[in-house]
Every structure is written in C-alpha cells, then in structure tokens.
Amino acid sequence: MEFLVEISFTTPVGMDSGVLEELKTAEARRADQLAASGHLLRLWRPQVPGWRNIGLWEAEDVTELQTLLGSLPLREFMSVTIRPLDPHPSDPSLMLGKV
C-alpha cells in the first residue's frame, strides 16, 4: 500500500549544533536504507519556509509505516501527516501497463 507522508521538523531550542548534524547524517543514512528496501519511493522538498518534506512511501499497512517512520533518527522532532493512497483508474502508469 502506498502512503503520502508529510513531515515537518522543529529543531529543539538549545540543541547542540554538532548533535543536530550527527542526527541529520544518521537520518540521511536511514533514508537510504529505507529507499533500498523499497519503502521510501520518492521524496520532495516543498518550496516553503522551514524544514519539510513530502514522501511517497510503501508499507504493508499503516502499522508498518508507523514502525518505519519510528526508525528515523529525528522522529521525535517531527510532526507527521499520513495519507493512505488508492490507485486511480486514470493513473497514467496503469494505463501504460507500468505498474
């Protein structure tokens, strides 16, 4: 099942910049792992102020997705919105036989 996941991040007041950089590096590594395992399909950065992203994720169900998101090193500083997605009958990839 696919999910549209919107994430915004708030840096905790007083967080040491070195610790934040370590967490960002760990976050990037974990995102690479999730992409390699087929769970993180796409990732966009909206053109709005702040640290936000929108991702297309694949998981068996919302419980598995929550577990995957919980594995992100910065998860405790994130606000997350999850939208389950259903295929649309006019999806071009379906019409072209790509799915």
C-alpha atoms as a PDB file:
ATOM      1  CA  MET A   1       0.000   0.000   0.000  1.00  0.00           C
ATOM      2  CA  GLU A   2       1.247   3.489  -0.797  1.00  0.00           C
ATOM      3  CA  PHE A   3       1.139   6.486   1.531  1.00  0.00           C
ATOM      4  CA  LEU A   4       1.729  10.193   1.073  1.00  0.00           C
ATOM      5  CA  VAL A   5       3.648  11.327   4.149  1.00  0.00           C
ATOM      6  CA  GLU A   6       4.191  14.980   5.007  1.00  0.00           C
ATOM      7  CA  ILE A   7       6.850  15.726   7.605  1.00  0.00           C
ATOM      8  CA  SER A   8       7.829  18.984   9.253  1.00  0.00           C
ATOM      9  CA  PHE A   9      10.758  19.238  11.629  1.00  0.00           C
ATOM     10  CA  THR A  10      11.295  21.611  14.513  1.00  0.00           C
ATOM     11  CA  THR A  11      14.785  21.977  15.918  1.00  0.00           C
ATOM     12  CA  PRO A  12      14.612  21.792  19.704  1.00  0.00           C
ATOM     13  CA  VAL A  13      15.624  25.019  21.430  1.00  0.00           C
ATOM     14  CA  GLY A  14      19.159  24.733  22.709  1.00  0.00           C
ATOM     15  CA  MET A  15      20.076  21.606  20.741  1.00  0.00           C
ATOM     16  CA  ASP A  16      23.823  21.438  20.201  1.00  0.00           C
ATOM     17  CA  SER A  17      24.614  22.035  16.515  1.00  0.00           C
ATOM     18  CA  GLY A  18      27.092  19.134  16.495  1.00  0.00           C
ATOM     19  CA  VAL A  19      24.436  16.742  17.784  1.00  0.00           C
ATOM     20  CA  LEU A  20      21.975  18.047  15.197  1.00  0.00           C
ATOM     21  CA  GLU A  21      24.486  17.458  12.389  1.00  0.00           C
ATOM     22  CA  GLU A  22      25.095  13.891  13.622  1.00  0.00           C
ATOM     23  CA  LEU A  23      21.351  13.246  13.651  1.00  0.00           C
ATOM     24  CA  LYS A  24      20.975  14.679  10.135  1.00  0.00           C
ATOM     25  CA  THR A  25      23.738  12.374   8.885  1.00  0.00           C
ATOM     26  CA  ALA A  26      22.098   9.384  10.565  1.00  0.00           C
ATOM     27  CA  GLU A  27      18.740  10.453   9.087  1.00  0.00           C
ATOM     28  CA  ALA A  28      20.198  10.501   5.560  1.00  0.00           C
ATOM     29  CA  ARG A  29      21.718   7.036   6.060  1.00  0.00           C
ATOM     30  CA  ARG A  30      18.394   5.668   7.308  1.00  0.00           C
ATOM     31  CA  ALA A  31      16.536   7.228   4.350  1.00  0.00           C
ATOM     32  CA  ASP A  32      18.999   5.484   2.004  1.00  0.00           C
ATOM     33  CA  GLN A  33      18.290   2.167   3.746  1.00  0.00           C
ATOM     34  CA  LEU A  34      14.533   2.676   3.530  1.00  0.00           C
ATOM     35  CA  ALA A  35      14.818   3.533  -0.164  1.00  0.00           C
ATOM     36  CA  ALA A  36      16.983   0.474  -0.827  1.00  0.00           C
ATOM     37  CA  SER A  37      14.413  -1.740   0.906  1.00  0.00           C
ATOM     38  CA  GLY A  38      11.615  -0.327  -1.267  1.00  0.00           C
ATOM     39  CA  HIS A  39       9.770   1.574   1.465  1.00  0.00           C
ATOM     40  CA  LEU A  40      10.746   5.161   0.615  1.00  0.00           C
ATOM     41  CA  LEU A  41       9.826   5.581  -3.048  1.00  0.00           C
ATOM     42  CA  ARG A  42      10.077   9.344  -3.619  1.00  0.00           C
ATOM     43  CA  LEU A  43      10.949  12.414  -1.583  1.00  0.00           C
ATOM     44  CA  TRP A  44      10.293  16.095  -2.286  1.00  0.00           C
ATOM     45  CA  ARG A  45      11.118  19.341  -0.508  1.00  0.00           C
ATOM     46  CA  PRO A  46       8.256  21.848  -0.859  1.00  0.00           C
ATOM     47  CA  GLN A  47       9.217  25.426  -1.699  1.00  0.00           C
ATOM     48  CA  VAL A  48       8.020  26.808   1.621  1.00  0.00           C
ATOM     49  CA  PRO A  49       9.932  28.118   4.627  1.00  0.00           C
ATOM     50  CA  GLY A  50      11.070  25.610   7.219  1.00  0.00           C
ATOM     51  CA  TRP A  51      12.387  22.083   7.162  1.00  0.00           C
ATOM     52  CA  ARG A  52       9.692  19.989   5.491  1.00  0.00           C
ATOM     53  CA  ASN A  53       9.403  17.095   3.101  1.00  0.00           C
ATOM     54  CA  ILE A  54       6.747  15.119   1.309  1.00  0.00           C
ATOM     55  CA  GLY A  55       7.389  11.477   0.609  1.00  0.00           C
ATOM     56  CA  LEU A  56       5.785   8.596  -1.201  1.00  0.00           C
ATOM     57  CA  TRP A  57       6.151   5.536   0.990  1.00  0.00           C
ATOM     58  CA  GLU A  58       5.190   1.897   0.591  1.00  0.00           C
ATOM     59  CA  ALA A  59       4.303  -0.345   3.503  1.00  0.00           C
ATOM     60  CA  GLU A  60       2.046  -3.306   4.165  1.00  0.00           C
ATOM     61  CA  ASP A  61      -0.253  -1.137   6.278  1.00  0.00           C
ATOM     62  CA  VAL A  62      -0.250   1.975   8.471  1.00  0.00           C
ATOM     63  CA  THR A  63       1.169  -0.024  11.401  1.00  0.00           C
ATOM     64  CA  GLU A  64       4.246  -0.985   9.398  1.00  0.00           C
ATOM     65  CA  LEU A  65       4.560   2.588   8.136  1.00  0.00           C
ATOM     66  CA  GLN A  66       4.484   3.922  11.706  1.00  0.00           C
ATOM     67  CA  THR A  67       7.262   1.470  12.595  1.00  0.00           C
ATOM     68  CA  LEU A  68       9.340   2.602   9.618  1.00  0.00           C
ATOM     69  CA  LEU A  69       8.849   6.263  10.479  1.00  0.00           C
ATOM     70  CA  GLY A  70       9.697   5.482  14.099  1.00  0.00           C
ATOM     71  CA  SER A  71      13.093   4.215  12.932  1.00  0.00           C
ATOM     72  CA  LEU A  72      14.079   7.684  11.709  1.00  0.00           C
ATOM     73  CA  PRO A  73      16.708   9.248  13.995  1.00  0.00           C
ATOM     74  CA  LEU A  74      14.917  12.629  14.011  1.00  0.00           C
ATOM     75  CA  ARG A  75      11.406  11.176  14.503  1.00  0.00           C
ATOM     76  CA  GLU A  76      10.895  12.670  17.974  1.00  0.00           C
ATOM     77  CA  PHE A  77      11.268  16.166  16.493  1.00  0.00           C
ATOM     78  CA  MET A  78       8.846  15.601  13.592  1.00  0.00           C
ATOM     79  CA  SER A  79       5.214  16.356  13.004  1.00  0.00           C
ATOM     80  CA  VAL A  80       3.866  13.741  10.583  1.00  0.00           C
ATOM     81  CA  THR A  81       0.719  13.571   8.456  1.00  0.00           C
ATOM     82  CA  ILE A  82      -0.056  10.255   6.761  1.00  0.00           C
ATOM     83  CA  ARG A  83      -2.480   9.891   3.868  1.00  0.00           C
ATOM     84  CA  PRO A  84      -3.190   6.357   2.577  1.00  0.00           C
ATOM     85  CA  LEU A  85      -3.468   6.272  -1.214  1.00  0.00           C
ATOM     86  CA  ASP A  86      -5.602   4.131  -3.515  1.00  0.00           C
ATOM     87  CA  PRO A  87      -4.886   3.681  -7.221  1.00  0.00           C
ATOM     88  CA  HIS A  88      -6.824   5.974  -9.536  1.00  0.00           C
ATOM     89  CA  PRO A  89      -8.398   4.355 -12.607  1.00  0.00           C
ATOM     90  CA  SER A  90      -6.904   7.084 -14.824  1.00  0.00           C
ATOM     91  CA  ASP A  91      -3.366   6.778 -13.409  1.00  0.00           C
ATOM     92  CA  PRO A  92      -1.102   7.044 -16.472  1.00  0.00           C
ATOM     93  CA  SER A  93       1.208   4.313 -15.178  1.00  0.00           C
ATOM     94  CA  LEU A  94      -1.746   1.892 -15.022  1.00  0.00           C
ATOM     95  CA  MET A  95      -2.934   2.925 -18.468  1.00  0.00           C
ATOM     96  CA  LEU A  96       0.547   2.326 -19.890  1.00  0.00           C
ATOM     97  CA  GLY A  97       0.919  -1.013 -18.106  1.00  0.00           C
ATOM     98  CA  LYS A  98       3.875   0.133 -15.999  1.00  0.00           C
ATOM     99  CA  VAL A  99       2.515  -0.989 -12.653  1.00  0.00           C
END
